[in-house]
Amino acid sequence: MQNYKNHTRYYPLHHFVLTPLTGIAFVWAIVNCFQNENSTAENIYSLLIATCIMLTVQMTRLYALKNQDRLIRLEQKQRYFEKTGKSFSEKETKLRKSQIVALRFASDEEWIELMDKAIAENLSSKEIKSAIKNWKADHNRV
């Protein structure tokens, strides 16, 4: 059963393998630039390759998260229209992206009320998630 305390997801390959390994390779390349007696060009090349690999790993994660946020926003627009028959545009302009993302966990029964409270009280995403009584699980997150 997903809830506020256990909704955070870790992907072992990304969080515990790729990210640490690329970080180690990057640090090793920096240290190697100052301690290795190889040619300067070879040291710079190693540092550039390590930097590119590290940035590639981080950028692919960032692209996935940004795409997920867009999909969540579209889902919330559709959800609002289905519940109210009105456009979500007015509410959307008053909400931050992080608030919209947090509201997706609210059950249909409390979603609109919690959205209005988030707008009126400028709740953070953490406050929104904490206020949810009936958690709507999302197991398809990236």
C-alpha atoms as a PDB file:
ATOM      1  CA  MET A   1       0.000   0.000   0.000  1.00  0.00           C
ATOM      2  CA  GLN A   2       1.616   3.245  -1.120  1.00  0.00           C
ATOM      3  CA  ASN A   3       1.477   6.260   1.204  1.00  0.00           C
ATOM      4  CA  TYR A   4       3.395   9.426   2.052  1.00  0.00           C
ATOM      5  CA  LYS A   5       6.069   7.559   4.006  1.00  0.00           C
ATOM      6  CA  ASN A   6       6.881   5.009   1.321  1.00  0.00           C
ATOM      7  CA  HIS A   7       6.076   6.721  -2.008  1.00  0.00           C
ATOM      8  CA  THR A   8       9.677   7.686  -2.810  1.00  0.00           C
ATOM      9  CA  ARG A   9      11.133   5.382  -5.426  1.00  0.00           C
ATOM     10  CA  TYR A  10      14.715   4.403  -5.990  1.00  0.00           C
ATOM     11  CA  TYR A  11      15.991   2.655  -9.076  1.00  0.00           C
ATOM     12  CA  PRO A  12      18.991   0.621  -7.927  1.00  0.00           C
ATOM     13  CA  LEU A  13      20.744   0.654 -11.300  1.00  0.00           C
ATOM     14  CA  HIS A  14      20.529   4.455 -11.499  1.00  0.00           C
ATOM     15  CA  HIS A  15      20.784   5.521  -7.857  1.00  0.00           C
ATOM     16  CA  PHE A  16      23.226   2.926  -6.536  1.00  0.00           C
ATOM     17  CA  VAL A  17      25.266   1.862  -9.574  1.00  0.00           C
ATOM     18  CA  LEU A  18      25.411   4.372 -12.467  1.00  0.00           C
ATOM     19  CA  THR A  19      25.424   7.611 -10.467  1.00  0.00           C
ATOM     20  CA  PRO A  20      28.110   6.510  -7.970  1.00  0.00           C
ATOM     21  CA  LEU A  21      30.264   4.955 -10.690  1.00  0.00           C
ATOM     22  CA  THR A  22      30.140   8.049 -12.886  1.00  0.00           C
ATOM     23  CA  GLY A  23      30.905  10.199  -9.833  1.00  0.00           C
ATOM     24  CA  ILE A  24      33.904   8.015  -8.989  1.00  0.00           C
ATOM     25  CA  ALA A  25      35.110   8.116 -12.606  1.00  0.00           C
ATOM     26  CA  PHE A  26      34.765  11.913 -12.649  1.00  0.00           C
ATOM     27  CA  VAL A  27      36.689  12.373  -9.373  1.00  0.00           C
ATOM     28  CA  TRP A  28      39.309   9.877 -10.516  1.00  0.00           C
ATOM     29  CA  ALA A  29      39.762  11.815 -13.768  1.00  0.00           C
ATOM     30  CA  ILE A  30      40.242  15.094 -11.848  1.00  0.00           C
ATOM     31  CA  VAL A  31      42.774  13.537  -9.479  1.00  0.00           C
ATOM     32  CA  ASN A  32      44.493  11.868 -12.421  1.00  0.00           C
ATOM     33  CA  CYS A  33      44.913  15.257 -14.135  1.00  0.00           C
ATOM     34  CA  PHE A  34      47.050  16.498 -11.240  1.00  0.00           C
ATOM     35  CA  GLN A  35      48.903  13.332 -10.250  1.00  0.00           C
ATOM     36  CA  ASN A  36      49.475  11.431 -13.472  1.00  0.00           C
ATOM     37  CA  GLU A  37      52.640  12.004 -15.418  1.00  0.00           C
ATOM     38  CA  ASN A  38      50.972  11.185 -18.737  1.00  0.00           C
ATOM     39  CA  SER A  39      50.596  13.898 -21.300  1.00  0.00           C
ATOM     40  CA  THR A  40      48.323  16.824 -20.522  1.00  0.00           C
ATOM     41  CA  ALA A  41      46.228  16.045 -23.591  1.00  0.00           C
ATOM     42  CA  GLU A  42      45.592  12.503 -22.343  1.00  0.00           C
ATOM     43  CA  ASN A  43      44.586  13.787 -18.904  1.00  0.00           C
ATOM     44  CA  ILE A  44      42.207  16.360 -20.416  1.00  0.00           C
ATOM     45  CA  TYR A  45      40.762  13.699 -22.714  1.00  0.00           C
ATOM     46  CA  SER A  46      40.069  11.408 -19.728  1.00  0.00           C
ATOM     47  CA  LEU A  47      38.425  14.273 -17.849  1.00  0.00           C
ATOM     48  CA  LEU A  48      36.250  15.174 -20.859  1.00  0.00           C
ATOM     49  CA  ILE A  49      35.119  11.567 -21.320  1.00  0.00           C
ATOM     50  CA  ALA A  50      34.286  11.211 -17.597  1.00  0.00           C
ATOM     51  CA  THR A  51      32.396  14.521 -17.672  1.00  0.00           C
ATOM     52  CA  CYS A  52      30.403  13.491 -20.758  1.00  0.00           C
ATOM     53  CA  ILE A  53      29.463  10.147 -19.223  1.00  0.00           C
ATOM     54  CA  MET A  54      28.423  11.750 -15.932  1.00  0.00           C
ATOM     55  CA  LEU A  55      26.349  14.407 -17.702  1.00  0.00           C
ATOM     56  CA  THR A  56      24.719  11.811 -19.961  1.00  0.00           C
ATOM     57  CA  VAL A  57      23.560   9.759 -16.978  1.00  0.00           C
ATOM     58  CA  GLN A  58      22.161  12.839 -15.244  1.00  0.00           C
ATOM     59  CA  MET A  59      20.546  14.302 -18.362  1.00  0.00           C
ATOM     60  CA  THR A  60      18.712  11.080 -19.227  1.00  0.00           C
ATOM     61  CA  ARG A  61      17.242  11.055 -15.722  1.00  0.00           C
ATOM     62  CA  LEU A  62      16.301  14.735 -15.989  1.00  0.00           C
ATOM     63  CA  TYR A  63      14.603  14.224 -19.371  1.00  0.00           C
ATOM     64  CA  ALA A  64      12.550  11.336 -17.995  1.00  0.00           C
ATOM     65  CA  LEU A  65      11.454  13.371 -14.963  1.00  0.00           C
ATOM     66  CA  LYS A  66      10.514  16.394 -17.062  1.00  0.00           C
ATOM     67  CA  ASN A  67       8.472  14.201 -19.391  1.00  0.00           C
ATOM     68  CA  GLN A  68       6.777  12.597 -16.398  1.00  0.00           C
ATOM     69  CA  ASP A  69       5.880  16.041 -15.014  1.00  0.00           C
ATOM     70  CA  ARG A  70       4.276  16.995 -18.333  1.00  0.00           C
ATOM     71  CA  LEU A  71       2.224  13.814 -18.335  1.00  0.00           C
ATOM     72  CA  ILE A  72       1.124  14.389 -14.749  1.00  0.00           C
ATOM     73  CA  ARG A  73       0.016  17.916 -15.624  1.00  0.00           C
ATOM     74  CA  LEU A  74      -1.996  16.573 -18.566  1.00  0.00           C
ATOM     75  CA  GLU A  75      -3.539  13.870 -16.375  1.00  0.00           C
ATOM     76  CA  GLN A  76      -4.547  16.479 -13.820  1.00  0.00           C
ATOM     77  CA  LYS A  77      -6.096  18.650 -16.546  1.00  0.00           C
ATOM     78  CA  GLN A  78      -8.156  15.684 -17.723  1.00  0.00           C
ATOM     79  CA  ARG A  79      -9.058  14.719 -14.162  1.00  0.00           C
ATOM     80  CA  TYR A  80     -10.239  18.255 -13.379  1.00  0.00           C
ATOM     81  CA  PHE A  81     -12.351  18.409 -16.531  1.00  0.00           C
ATOM     82  CA  GLU A  82     -13.918  15.020 -15.763  1.00  0.00           C
ATOM     83  CA  LYS A  83     -14.763  16.081 -12.198  1.00  0.00           C
ATOM     84  CA  THR A  84     -15.979  19.627 -12.868  1.00  0.00           C
ATOM     85  CA  GLY A  85     -16.663  19.954 -16.588  1.00  0.00           C
ATOM     86  CA  LYS A  86     -14.463  23.061 -16.576  1.00  0.00           C
ATOM     87  CA  SER A  87     -11.036  23.919 -17.927  1.00  0.00           C
ATOM     88  CA  PHE A  88      -8.099  23.476 -15.559  1.00  0.00           C
ATOM     89  CA  SER A  89      -6.394  26.636 -16.900  1.00  0.00           C
ATOM     90  CA  GLU A  90      -7.572  28.967 -14.134  1.00  0.00           C
ATOM     91  CA  LYS A  91      -6.416  26.613 -11.360  1.00  0.00           C
ATOM     92  CA  GLU A  92      -3.222  25.708 -13.183  1.00  0.00           C
ATOM     93  CA  THR A  93      -2.022  29.318 -13.304  1.00  0.00           C
ATOM     94  CA  LYS A  94      -2.353  29.515  -9.501  1.00  0.00           C
ATOM     95  CA  LEU A  95      -0.457  26.291  -8.817  1.00  0.00           C
ATOM     96  CA  ARG A  96       3.253  25.568  -9.043  1.00  0.00           C
ATOM     97  CA  LYS A  97       4.349  22.495 -10.962  1.00  0.00           C
ATOM     98  CA  SER A  98       5.424  20.828  -7.703  1.00  0.00           C
ATOM     99  CA  GLN A  99       1.934  21.359  -6.257  1.00  0.00           C
ATOM    100  CA  ILE A 100       0.263  19.805  -9.299  1.00  0.00           C
ATOM    101  CA  VAL A 101       2.621  16.847  -9.093  1.00  0.00           C
ATOM    102  CA  ALA A 102       1.886  16.371  -5.377  1.00  0.00           C
ATOM    103  CA  LEU A 103      -1.879  16.639  -5.861  1.00  0.00           C
ATOM    104  CA  ARG A 104      -1.921  13.588  -8.137  1.00  0.00           C
ATOM    105  CA  PHE A 105      -1.713  11.377  -5.032  1.00  0.00           C
ATOM    106  CA  ALA A 106      -4.994  12.716  -3.590  1.00  0.00           C
ATOM    107  CA  SER A 107      -8.113  10.586  -3.943  1.00  0.00           C
ATOM    108  CA  ASP A 108     -10.946  11.921  -6.069  1.00  0.00           C
ATOM    109  CA  GLU A 109     -13.007  12.686  -2.958  1.00  0.00           C
ATOM    110  CA  GLU A 110     -10.457  15.111  -1.507  1.00  0.00           C
ATOM    111  CA  TRP A 111      -8.594  16.250  -4.603  1.00  0.00           C
ATOM    112  CA  ILE A 112     -10.483  19.461  -5.478  1.00  0.00           C
ATOM    113  CA  GLU A 113     -10.779  20.554  -1.840  1.00  0.00           C
ATOM    114  CA  LEU A 114      -7.070  19.963  -1.304  1.00  0.00           C
ATOM    115  CA  MET A 115      -6.259  21.827  -4.531  1.00  0.00           C
ATOM    116  CA  ASP A 116      -8.236  24.853  -3.340  1.00  0.00           C
ATOM    117  CA  LYS A 117      -6.455  24.685   0.023  1.00  0.00           C
ATOM    118  CA  ALA A 118      -3.071  24.453  -1.721  1.00  0.00           C
ATOM    119  CA  ILE A 119      -3.899  27.598  -3.699  1.00  0.00           C
ATOM    120  CA  ALA A 120      -5.314  29.532  -0.728  1.00  0.00           C
ATOM    121  CA  GLU A 121      -2.535  28.606   1.709  1.00  0.00           C
ATOM    122  CA  ASN A 122       0.300  28.228  -0.823  1.00  0.00           C
ATOM    123  CA  LEU A 123       1.068  24.725   0.475  1.00  0.00           C
ATOM    124  CA  SER A 124       4.358  23.097  -0.410  1.00  0.00           C
ATOM    125  CA  SER A 125       4.348  19.717  -2.148  1.00  0.00           C
ATOM    126  CA  LYS A 126       5.383  18.087   1.132  1.00  0.00           C
ATOM    127  CA  GLU A 127       2.472  19.763   2.956  1.00  0.00           C
ATOM    128  CA  ILE A 128       0.058  18.650   0.230  1.00  0.00           C
ATOM    129  CA  LYS A 129       1.233  15.052   0.409  1.00  0.00           C
ATOM    130  CA  SER A 130       1.054  15.089   4.206  1.00  0.00           C
ATOM    131  CA  ALA A 131      -2.528  16.404   4.086  1.00  0.00           C
ATOM    132  CA  ILE A 132      -3.778  13.577   1.881  1.00  0.00           C
ATOM    133  CA  LYS A 133      -6.096  11.265   3.809  1.00  0.00           C
ATOM    134  CA  ASN A 134      -6.824   8.699   1.085  1.00  0.00           C
ATOM    135  CA  TRP A 135      -3.667   8.115  -0.923  1.00  0.00           C
ATOM    136  CA  LYS A 136      -4.039   7.370  -4.636  1.00  0.00           C
ATOM    137  CA  ALA A 137      -1.039   5.217  -5.432  1.00  0.00           C
ATOM    138  CA  ASP A 138       1.111   5.878  -8.494  1.00  0.00           C
ATOM    139  CA  HIS A 139       3.251   2.846  -9.309  1.00  0.00           C
ATOM    140  CA  ASN A 140       4.175   4.009 -12.830  1.00  0.00           C
ATOM    141  CA  ARG A 141       6.527   6.812 -11.874  1.00  0.00           C
ATOM    142  CA  VAL A 142      10.006   7.132 -13.289  1.00  0.00           C
END
